[in-house]
């Protein structure tokens, strides 16, 4: 790998998108969208990517990676309209977020995309692919499904992006990614972005990339400097009471992380019964339910979002005041991903972890990774009334308000049009 590491560059006022080799028509769109000053990862990655070089980008979530690869991807494909781009990422939510970002930039130029994710209609996805999209965005499992069914041919892919690569390996997608790498042409540009650099990522860079330039805006594992950390040592039975206390203290939007989908569901129901506006997002929820929960959290209809690590990828919501680790993450790297959901876009944030006495070693592992001590606060006086057990009647009310038949979700589904019904774009992109 290229040893010319570009590290920890702080944004400076003189950095402008116009200085990065971006063509005028894209600069005009960026200006209309009020993107004025590039983030450090954008400032370092965009010029290298526009030149067609392979990149390994080490960056936290919330640092502007989407545009760091999205702008060069669109610009280079406009110059090579017969070729395609492929973006592989870990979750459905992140796929939807990236697609939205790319469409903001490329819609006016006739950009066509296809989103291939589990939980969505294969028929609609095949319809998108038949329209010959310029960029394919998908999760490893569903991309492989289409390869096996011969509904997807990657023979014209000239630019490959692997986003949140460390997360994909943590989720067990290594075999699927390997299969995809065997299906794309060897003569291509590859951009890989990751918050950490485990051996599995180094192996990909060594075996499947051509002298990649390493762009590192912060040492791998570095936590967001804009986030204030705090922890409480608390017995498991008192966690819910402490959470209630914190939610009464912090009045803004709150993201609560749980280790299991069953725990997330239970906590969300209890919060709902306590009068909090809360929604849940985990792998037991349908794609429509997950979209509804995320849209409700973004709009402020739900002040609290309870999530698992897997489902949290792609939660890009501005102004989250507090992240609560109700359960500590399985791996220290996930701690960095979790707290990266607050303190975004230059704002400050807060991260509070609820730690049981037997988890001291886990805290030390996290501290070693982020090279910082997480302060321990004294346990406050907790409410006497614990969360009440959820009765069948309360469960029924909760399901009516958050389940698939509620009015918000029905409205969401009615407003969705399949890609085949969207107007065609025939401007700058052509086949």
Protein backbone atom coordinates (compact mmCIF):
# COMPACT_ATOMS: atom_id res chain seq x y z
CA UNK A 1 0.00 0.00 0.00
CA UNK A 2 1.19 3.54 -0.72
CA UNK A 3 2.96 4.82 2.38
CA UNK A 4 2.20 8.42 1.53
CA UNK A 5 -0.41 8.60 4.30
CA UNK A 6 -2.27 11.87 4.56
CA UNK A 7 -3.25 12.14 8.18
CA UNK A 8 -5.41 14.24 10.50
CA UNK A 9 -5.91 17.27 8.30
CA UNK A 10 -8.11 19.88 9.90
CA UNK A 11 -10.51 21.78 7.67
CA UNK A 12 -9.33 25.24 6.70
CA UNK A 13 -11.42 28.08 5.37
CA UNK A 14 -9.36 28.32 2.18
CA UNK A 15 -10.32 24.79 1.12
CA UNK A 16 -13.04 24.93 -1.51
CA UNK A 17 -14.74 22.34 -3.69
CA UNK A 18 -13.62 24.42 -6.68
CA UNK A 19 -9.99 23.55 -5.88
CA UNK A 20 -10.51 19.77 -6.05
CA UNK A 21 -10.77 19.20 -9.80
CA UNK A 22 -14.59 18.98 -9.82
CA UNK A 23 -16.20 20.00 -13.11
CA UNK A 24 -18.26 23.19 -13.27
CA UNK A 25 -21.74 21.66 -13.66
CA UNK A 26 -21.28 19.54 -10.51
CA UNK A 27 -19.84 22.55 -8.63
CA UNK A 28 -23.00 24.45 -9.52
CA UNK A 29 -25.17 21.70 -7.99
CA UNK A 30 -23.01 21.62 -4.85
CA UNK A 31 -23.42 25.37 -4.51
CA UNK A 32 -27.21 25.09 -4.90
CA UNK A 33 -27.22 22.42 -2.17
CA UNK A 34 -25.19 24.78 0.04
CA UNK A 35 -22.10 22.56 0.12
CA UNK A 36 -19.45 25.25 0.42
CA UNK A 37 -16.40 23.88 2.24
CA UNK A 38 -15.27 20.24 1.87
CA UNK A 39 -14.73 18.12 4.96
CA UNK A 40 -11.20 16.77 5.54
CA UNK A 41 -11.98 13.37 3.97
CA UNK A 42 -13.58 15.09 0.96
CA UNK A 43 -10.66 17.49 0.57
CA UNK A 44 -8.13 14.64 0.55
CA UNK A 45 -10.05 11.89 -1.28
CA UNK A 46 -11.86 13.71 -4.11
CA UNK A 47 -8.81 14.86 -6.13
CA UNK A 48 -7.17 11.42 -5.88
CA UNK A 49 -10.40 9.64 -6.85
CA UNK A 50 -11.05 11.95 -9.79
CA UNK A 51 -7.63 10.93 -11.12
CA UNK A 52 -8.86 7.33 -11.12
CA UNK A 53 -6.55 6.07 -8.37
CA UNK A 54 -7.50 3.41 -5.83
CA UNK A 55 -8.17 4.74 -2.33
CA UNK A 56 -8.26 3.32 1.19
CA UNK A 57 -10.02 5.94 3.33
CA UNK A 58 -9.87 5.75 7.12
CA UNK A 59 -12.67 7.91 8.46
CA UNK A 60 -15.36 7.86 11.12
CA UNK A 61 -19.05 7.97 10.35
CA UNK A 62 -20.42 11.48 9.93
CA UNK A 63 -17.31 12.84 8.19
CA UNK A 64 -18.77 13.23 4.72
CA UNK A 65 -17.63 9.96 3.12
CA UNK A 66 -20.70 9.79 0.86
CA UNK A 67 -19.64 12.84 -1.14
CA UNK A 68 -15.96 11.85 -0.90
CA UNK A 69 -16.65 8.91 -3.21
CA UNK A 70 -19.98 10.08 -4.66
CA UNK A 71 -18.70 13.18 -6.44
CA UNK A 72 -15.78 11.43 -8.21
CA UNK A 73 -18.03 8.48 -9.02
CA UNK A 74 -20.61 10.66 -10.77
CA UNK A 75 -18.00 12.79 -12.55
CA UNK A 76 -16.02 9.84 -13.90
CA UNK A 77 -19.15 7.97 -15.04
CA UNK A 78 -20.34 11.07 -16.89
CA UNK A 79 -17.06 10.85 -18.81
CA UNK A 80 -17.50 7.07 -19.35
CA UNK A 81 -21.28 6.65 -19.84
CA UNK A 82 -20.97 3.04 -21.02
CA UNK A 83 -19.49 1.97 -17.68
CA UNK A 84 -21.09 1.41 -14.31
CA UNK A 85 -20.36 2.07 -10.66
CA UNK A 86 -21.04 -0.46 -7.89
CA UNK A 87 -21.36 0.52 -4.22
CA UNK A 88 -21.38 -2.28 -1.63
CA UNK A 89 -22.45 -1.40 1.91
CA UNK A 90 -23.71 -3.21 5.02
CA UNK A 91 -27.36 -2.22 5.53
CA UNK A 92 -30.60 -1.25 3.85
CA UNK A 93 -30.74 2.10 5.64
CA UNK A 94 -27.27 3.09 4.50
CA UNK A 95 -28.14 2.07 0.93
CA UNK A 96 -31.18 4.35 0.97
CA UNK A 97 -29.13 7.21 2.43
CA UNK A 98 -26.36 6.89 -0.18
CA UNK A 99 -28.90 6.68 -2.99
CA UNK A 100 -30.57 9.87 -1.75
CA UNK A 101 -27.21 11.66 -1.62
CA UNK A 102 -26.20 10.56 -5.13
CA UNK A 103 -29.57 11.55 -6.57
CA UNK A 104 -29.28 15.04 -5.09
CA UNK A 105 -26.06 15.51 -7.02
CA UNK A 106 -26.82 13.58 -10.21
CA UNK A 107 -30.56 13.79 -10.77
CA UNK A 108 -30.28 16.88 -12.96
CA UNK A 109 -27.70 15.13 -15.14
CA UNK A 110 -29.92 12.12 -15.79
CA UNK A 111 -28.31 9.79 -13.24
CA UNK A 112 -30.06 6.43 -12.92
CA UNK A 113 -29.50 4.22 -9.89
CA UNK A 114 -30.64 0.79 -8.76
CA UNK A 115 -30.89 -0.13 -5.07
CA UNK A 116 -30.53 -3.85 -4.33
CA UNK A 117 -31.38 -4.64 -0.71
CA UNK A 118 -32.99 -7.48 1.21
CA UNK A 119 -36.59 -7.11 2.33
CA UNK A 120 -37.55 -5.30 -0.88
CA UNK A 121 -39.21 -6.64 -4.01
CA UNK A 122 -36.90 -8.60 -6.31
CA UNK A 123 -39.30 -7.82 -9.16
CA UNK A 124 -38.91 -4.07 -8.71
CA UNK A 125 -35.14 -4.45 -8.46
CA UNK A 126 -35.03 -6.42 -11.71
CA UNK A 127 -37.10 -3.64 -13.26
CA UNK A 128 -34.50 -1.08 -12.10
CA UNK A 129 -31.66 -3.19 -13.52
CA UNK A 130 -33.40 -3.49 -16.90
CA UNK A 131 -33.28 0.31 -17.16
CA UNK A 132 -29.48 0.06 -17.35
CA UNK A 133 -28.58 2.15 -14.26
CA UNK A 134 -25.31 4.02 -14.06
CA UNK A 135 -24.76 3.18 -10.39
CA UNK A 136 -25.82 0.04 -8.49
CA UNK A 137 -26.06 0.35 -4.71
CA UNK A 138 -26.61 -2.75 -2.62
CA UNK A 139 -25.94 -5.03 0.30
CA UNK A 140 -23.67 -8.06 -0.30
CA UNK A 141 -26.35 -10.71 0.16
CA UNK A 142 -28.87 -9.23 -2.28
CA UNK A 143 -26.20 -8.38 -4.88
CA UNK A 144 -25.16 -12.04 -4.82
CA UNK A 145 -28.79 -13.14 -5.14
CA UNK A 146 -29.04 -11.22 -8.40
CA UNK A 147 -25.70 -12.56 -9.63
CA UNK A 148 -26.86 -16.14 -8.99
CA UNK A 149 -30.20 -15.52 -10.72
CA UNK A 150 -28.34 -13.91 -13.66
CA UNK A 151 -30.36 -10.71 -13.31
CA UNK A 152 -27.18 -8.73 -12.66
CA UNK A 153 -24.07 -8.61 -14.85
CA UNK A 154 -21.11 -6.73 -13.35
CA UNK A 155 -18.98 -6.95 -16.49
CA UNK A 156 -19.10 -3.20 -17.18
CA UNK A 157 -18.32 -2.05 -13.63
CA UNK A 158 -15.33 0.30 -13.83
CA UNK A 159 -15.59 1.83 -10.32
CA UNK A 160 -16.16 -0.22 -7.16
CA UNK A 161 -16.84 1.32 -3.75
CA UNK A 162 -16.84 -0.62 -0.46
CA UNK A 163 -18.34 1.58 2.26
CA UNK A 164 -18.03 0.75 5.98
CA UNK A 165 -15.93 -2.25 5.03
CA UNK A 166 -15.03 -3.16 8.61
CA UNK A 167 -18.72 -3.31 9.50
CA UNK A 168 -19.44 -5.66 6.57
CA UNK A 169 -16.75 -8.05 7.75
CA UNK A 170 -18.00 -7.86 11.35
CA UNK A 171 -21.44 -8.84 10.05
CA UNK A 172 -20.06 -11.92 8.31
CA UNK A 173 -20.28 -10.71 4.71
CA UNK A 174 -16.72 -11.75 3.80
CA UNK A 175 -17.78 -14.72 1.57
CA UNK A 176 -20.32 -12.60 -0.34
CA UNK A 177 -17.83 -9.76 -0.83
CA UNK A 178 -15.23 -12.22 -2.11
CA UNK A 179 -17.75 -13.55 -4.65
CA UNK A 180 -18.55 -10.03 -5.85
CA UNK A 181 -14.85 -9.21 -6.20
CA UNK A 182 -14.52 -12.25 -8.47
CA UNK A 183 -17.46 -11.01 -10.58
CA UNK A 184 -16.22 -7.48 -11.34
CA UNK A 185 -13.51 -6.71 -13.91
CA UNK A 186 -9.95 -6.64 -12.60
CA UNK A 187 -9.27 -3.47 -14.55
CA UNK A 188 -11.25 -1.05 -12.39
CA UNK A 189 -10.92 1.70 -9.81
CA UNK A 190 -11.60 0.63 -6.21
CA UNK A 191 -12.42 2.91 -3.28
CA UNK A 192 -12.62 1.38 0.19
CA UNK A 193 -13.76 3.29 3.28
CA UNK A 194 -13.54 2.00 6.83
CA UNK A 195 -13.38 3.37 10.38
CA UNK A 196 -10.76 0.79 11.34
CA UNK A 197 -8.13 -1.27 9.51
CA UNK A 198 -8.35 -4.89 10.66
CA UNK A 199 -6.33 -7.60 8.90
CA UNK A 200 -9.31 -8.50 6.71
CA UNK A 201 -9.36 -5.00 5.20
CA UNK A 202 -5.59 -4.96 4.71
CA UNK A 203 -5.90 -8.29 2.88
CA UNK A 204 -8.45 -6.82 0.45
CA UNK A 205 -6.25 -3.80 -0.17
CA UNK A 206 -3.28 -6.06 -0.86
CA UNK A 207 -5.02 -8.62 -3.08
CA UNK A 208 -7.70 -6.62 -4.88
CA UNK A 209 -6.43 -3.04 -5.20
CA UNK A 210 -3.74 -1.35 -7.29
CA UNK A 211 -1.28 0.66 -5.15
CA UNK A 212 -4.06 2.36 -3.18
CA UNK A 213 -3.46 5.80 -1.73
CA UNK A 214 -4.25 5.76 1.97
CA UNK A 215 -6.24 8.80 3.06
CA UNK A 216 -6.49 8.96 6.84
CA UNK A 217 -8.11 11.98 8.45
CA UNK A 218 -7.87 10.57 11.98
CA UNK A 219 -6.03 7.62 13.45
CA UNK A 220 -8.17 4.49 13.07
CA UNK A 221 -10.49 3.99 16.03
CA UNK A 222 -10.35 7.68 16.95
CA UNK A 223 -13.59 8.81 18.54
CA UNK A 224 -15.33 11.99 17.42
CA UNK A 225 -13.68 14.91 19.23
CA UNK A 226 -16.99 16.78 19.31
CA UNK A 227 -18.60 14.12 21.54
CA UNK A 228 -18.50 14.28 25.34
CA UNK A 229 -18.23 10.79 26.89
CA UNK A 230 -19.73 9.64 30.18
CA UNK A 231 -20.47 6.30 31.84
CA UNK A 232 -22.45 4.99 34.79
CA UNK A 233 -21.78 1.72 36.57
CA UNK A 234 -25.21 0.32 37.29
CA UNK A 235 -26.75 -3.04 38.10
CA UNK A 236 -28.66 -4.60 35.23
CA UNK A 237 -32.00 -4.35 37.06
CA UNK A 238 -31.58 -0.59 37.45
CA UNK A 239 -30.71 0.22 33.86
CA UNK A 240 -34.24 1.05 32.72
CA UNK A 241 -34.72 3.42 35.64
CA UNK A 242 -31.48 5.20 34.81
CA UNK A 243 -32.54 5.47 31.17
CA UNK A 244 -35.81 7.07 32.25
CA UNK A 245 -33.85 9.56 34.37
CA UNK A 246 -31.60 10.47 31.43
CA UNK A 247 -34.53 10.91 29.06
CA UNK A 248 -36.10 13.33 31.53
CA UNK A 249 -32.85 15.31 31.72
CA UNK A 250 -32.07 15.46 27.98
CA UNK A 251 -34.92 17.02 26.02
CA UNK A 252 -33.56 16.64 22.48
CA UNK A 253 -33.51 13.65 20.17
CA UNK A 254 -31.97 10.51 21.67
CA UNK A 255 -30.60 7.36 20.04
CA UNK A 256 -30.57 4.29 22.32
CA UNK A 257 -28.43 1.28 21.40
CA UNK A 258 -29.29 -2.24 22.54
CA UNK A 259 -27.39 -5.48 22.01
CA UNK A 260 -30.35 -7.57 20.83
CA UNK A 261 -33.46 -7.00 18.76
CA UNK A 262 -35.60 -8.45 21.57
CA UNK A 263 -34.10 -5.97 24.04
CA UNK A 264 -34.73 -3.10 21.63
CA UNK A 265 -38.38 -4.10 21.22
CA UNK A 266 -38.93 -4.42 24.98
CA UNK A 267 -37.33 -1.07 25.79
CA UNK A 268 -39.23 0.71 23.02
CA UNK A 269 -42.54 -0.68 24.25
CA UNK A 270 -41.75 0.35 27.82
CA UNK A 271 -40.80 3.86 26.73
CA UNK A 272 -44.00 4.12 24.73
CA UNK A 273 -46.02 3.04 27.78
CA UNK A 274 -44.28 5.75 29.81
CA UNK A 275 -45.48 8.41 27.38
CA UNK A 276 -42.28 8.87 25.38
CA UNK A 277 -42.48 9.11 21.59
CA UNK A 278 -40.22 6.22 20.64
CA UNK A 279 -39.65 3.94 17.67
CA UNK A 280 -37.53 0.81 17.16
CA UNK A 281 -35.25 -0.28 14.34
CA UNK A 282 -33.79 -3.79 14.16
CA UNK A 283 -33.70 -6.83 11.90
CA UNK A 284 -37.10 -8.13 13.05
CA UNK A 285 -38.79 -5.05 11.59
CA UNK A 286 -39.84 -5.02 7.94
CA UNK A 287 -38.17 -2.65 5.50
CA UNK A 288 -41.26 -0.41 5.51
CA UNK A 289 -41.35 -0.37 9.32
CA UNK A 290 -37.66 0.53 9.51
CA UNK A 291 -38.10 3.34 7.00
CA UNK A 292 -41.12 4.61 8.88
CA UNK A 293 -39.24 4.60 12.19
CA UNK A 294 -36.25 6.42 10.70
CA UNK A 295 -38.43 8.96 8.89
CA UNK A 296 -40.35 9.58 12.13
CA UNK A 297 -37.10 10.12 14.03
CA UNK A 298 -35.78 12.51 11.36
CA UNK A 299 -39.00 14.54 11.34
CA UNK A 300 -39.23 14.72 15.13
CA UNK A 301 -42.39 12.65 15.36
CA UNK A 302 -40.38 10.20 17.46
CA UNK A 303 -37.97 11.83 19.94
CA UNK A 304 -36.30 8.51 20.76
CA UNK A 305 -35.04 5.79 18.42
CA UNK A 306 -34.07 2.42 19.90
CA UNK A 307 -31.72 0.48 17.64
CA UNK A 308 -29.37 -2.47 17.35
CA UNK A 309 -25.88 -2.11 15.85
CA UNK A 310 -26.74 -3.89 12.60
CA UNK A 311 -29.79 -1.78 11.86
CA UNK A 312 -28.13 1.48 12.92
CA UNK A 313 -25.84 1.74 9.88
CA UNK A 314 -27.19 4.51 7.71
CA UNK A 315 -28.83 6.47 10.51
CA UNK A 316 -27.80 9.91 9.29
CA UNK A 317 -29.89 12.32 11.35
CA UNK A 318 -28.83 15.85 12.12
CA UNK A 319 -28.94 17.21 15.66
CA UNK A 320 -29.01 14.01 17.74
CA UNK A 321 -28.36 15.36 21.25
CA UNK A 322 -27.58 12.12 23.03
CA UNK A 323 -26.50 8.57 22.25
CA UNK A 324 -27.14 6.07 25.05
CA UNK A 325 -25.34 2.73 25.07
CA UNK A 326 -28.00 0.86 27.03
CA UNK A 327 -25.87 -2.23 26.34
CA UNK A 328 -22.18 -1.97 25.60
CA UNK A 329 -21.31 -3.03 22.04
CA UNK A 330 -19.81 -6.44 21.31
CA UNK A 331 -16.67 -4.93 19.76
CA UNK A 332 -14.83 -1.71 20.70
CA UNK A 333 -15.00 -0.57 17.07
CA UNK A 334 -18.79 -0.49 17.28
CA UNK A 335 -18.49 2.05 20.10
CA UNK A 336 -16.83 4.45 17.65
CA UNK A 337 -19.58 3.82 15.08
CA UNK A 338 -22.33 4.31 17.65
CA UNK A 339 -21.17 7.60 19.12
CA UNK A 340 -20.46 8.89 15.62
CA UNK A 341 -24.23 9.37 15.27
CA UNK A 342 -24.03 12.46 17.49
CA UNK A 343 -21.67 15.42 17.21
CA UNK A 344 -22.00 15.43 13.41
CA UNK A 345 -21.45 18.30 10.96
CA UNK A 346 -19.43 20.32 13.45
CA UNK A 347 -22.01 20.13 16.25
CA UNK A 348 -21.31 18.87 19.76
CA UNK A 349 -22.89 15.70 21.15
CA UNK A 350 -23.10 13.49 24.21
CA UNK A 351 -22.57 9.73 24.62
CA UNK A 352 -23.54 7.93 27.82
CA UNK A 353 -22.83 4.25 28.48
CA UNK A 354 -24.67 2.12 31.06
CA UNK A 355 -22.08 -0.36 32.33
CA UNK A 356 -22.75 -3.32 34.60
CA UNK A 357 -20.07 -4.07 37.25
CA UNK A 358 -18.80 -7.16 35.41
CA UNK A 359 -18.14 -5.16 32.20
CA UNK A 360 -15.11 -3.18 33.42
CA UNK A 361 -12.82 -5.07 31.05
CA UNK A 362 -15.03 -4.13 28.07
CA UNK A 363 -14.73 -0.47 28.99
CA UNK A 364 -10.94 -0.79 29.15
CA UNK A 365 -10.93 -2.35 25.65
CA UNK A 366 -12.90 0.63 24.31
CA UNK A 367 -10.58 3.08 26.09
CA UNK A 368 -7.53 1.39 24.57
CA UNK A 369 -9.00 1.71 21.09
CA UNK A 370 -9.99 5.38 21.39
CA UNK A 371 -6.90 6.16 23.50
CA UNK A 372 -8.97 8.09 25.98
CA UNK A 373 -10.54 7.53 29.39
CA UNK A 374 -14.33 7.47 29.61
CA UNK A 375 -15.29 9.40 32.77
CA UNK A 376 -17.40 7.56 35.36
CA UNK A 377 -20.21 9.56 36.94
CA UNK A 378 -21.92 8.94 40.26
CA UNK A 379 -25.26 7.21 39.94
CA UNK A 380 -28.06 9.76 40.45
CA UNK A 381 -31.15 9.19 42.54
CA UNK A 382 -33.34 7.02 40.36
CA UNK A 383 -37.12 7.12 39.92
CA UNK A 384 -38.92 4.78 42.31
CA UNK A 385 -41.37 3.59 39.70
CA UNK A 386 -39.68 1.09 37.40
CA UNK A 387 -40.95 0.57 33.89
CA UNK A 388 -44.13 -1.38 34.20
CA UNK A 389 -44.54 -4.75 32.55
CA UNK A 390 -46.17 -4.49 29.16
CA UNK A 391 -49.72 -5.77 29.28
CA UNK A 392 -51.47 -7.33 26.28
CA UNK A 393 -53.66 -4.21 26.04
CA UNK A 394 -50.59 -1.92 25.98
CA UNK A 395 -48.96 -4.13 23.37
CA UNK A 396 -52.05 -3.84 21.18
CA UNK A 397 -52.04 -0.02 21.42
CA UNK A 398 -48.31 0.04 20.68
CA UNK A 399 -48.71 -2.17 17.60
CA UNK A 400 -51.56 -0.01 16.30
CA UNK A 401 -49.37 3.08 16.51
CA UNK A 402 -46.07 1.63 15.30
CA UNK A 403 -47.03 -1.44 13.28
CA UNK A 404 -47.41 -1.86 9.53
CA UNK A 405 -51.04 -0.71 9.41
CA UNK A 406 -50.67 2.71 10.99
CA UNK A 407 -51.55 5.85 9.05
CA UNK A 408 -47.99 7.20 8.80
CA UNK A 409 -46.70 4.01 7.21
CA UNK A 410 -49.66 3.73 4.85
CA UNK A 411 -49.00 7.29 3.72
CA UNK A 412 -45.31 6.46 3.22
CA UNK A 413 -46.12 3.41 1.11
CA UNK A 414 -48.70 5.28 -0.99
CA UNK A 415 -46.17 7.98 -1.80
CA UNK A 416 -43.60 5.50 -3.07
CA UNK A 417 -43.39 4.94 -6.81
CA UNK A 418 -41.52 2.01 -8.27
CA UNK A 419 -38.42 3.03 -10.18
CA UNK A 420 -39.99 1.90 -13.43
CA UNK A 421 -42.65 4.66 -13.03
CA UNK A 422 -40.20 7.47 -12.45
CA UNK A 423 -39.60 9.85 -15.36
CA UNK A 424 -36.60 8.94 -17.55
CA UNK A 425 -33.47 11.08 -17.49
CA UNK A 426 -31.73 11.76 -20.80
CA UNK A 427 -29.29 14.59 -20.32
CA UNK A 428 -25.62 14.15 -19.52
CA UNK A 429 -25.74 10.39 -19.04
CA UNK A 430 -26.43 8.25 -22.07
CA UNK A 431 -25.91 4.64 -23.11
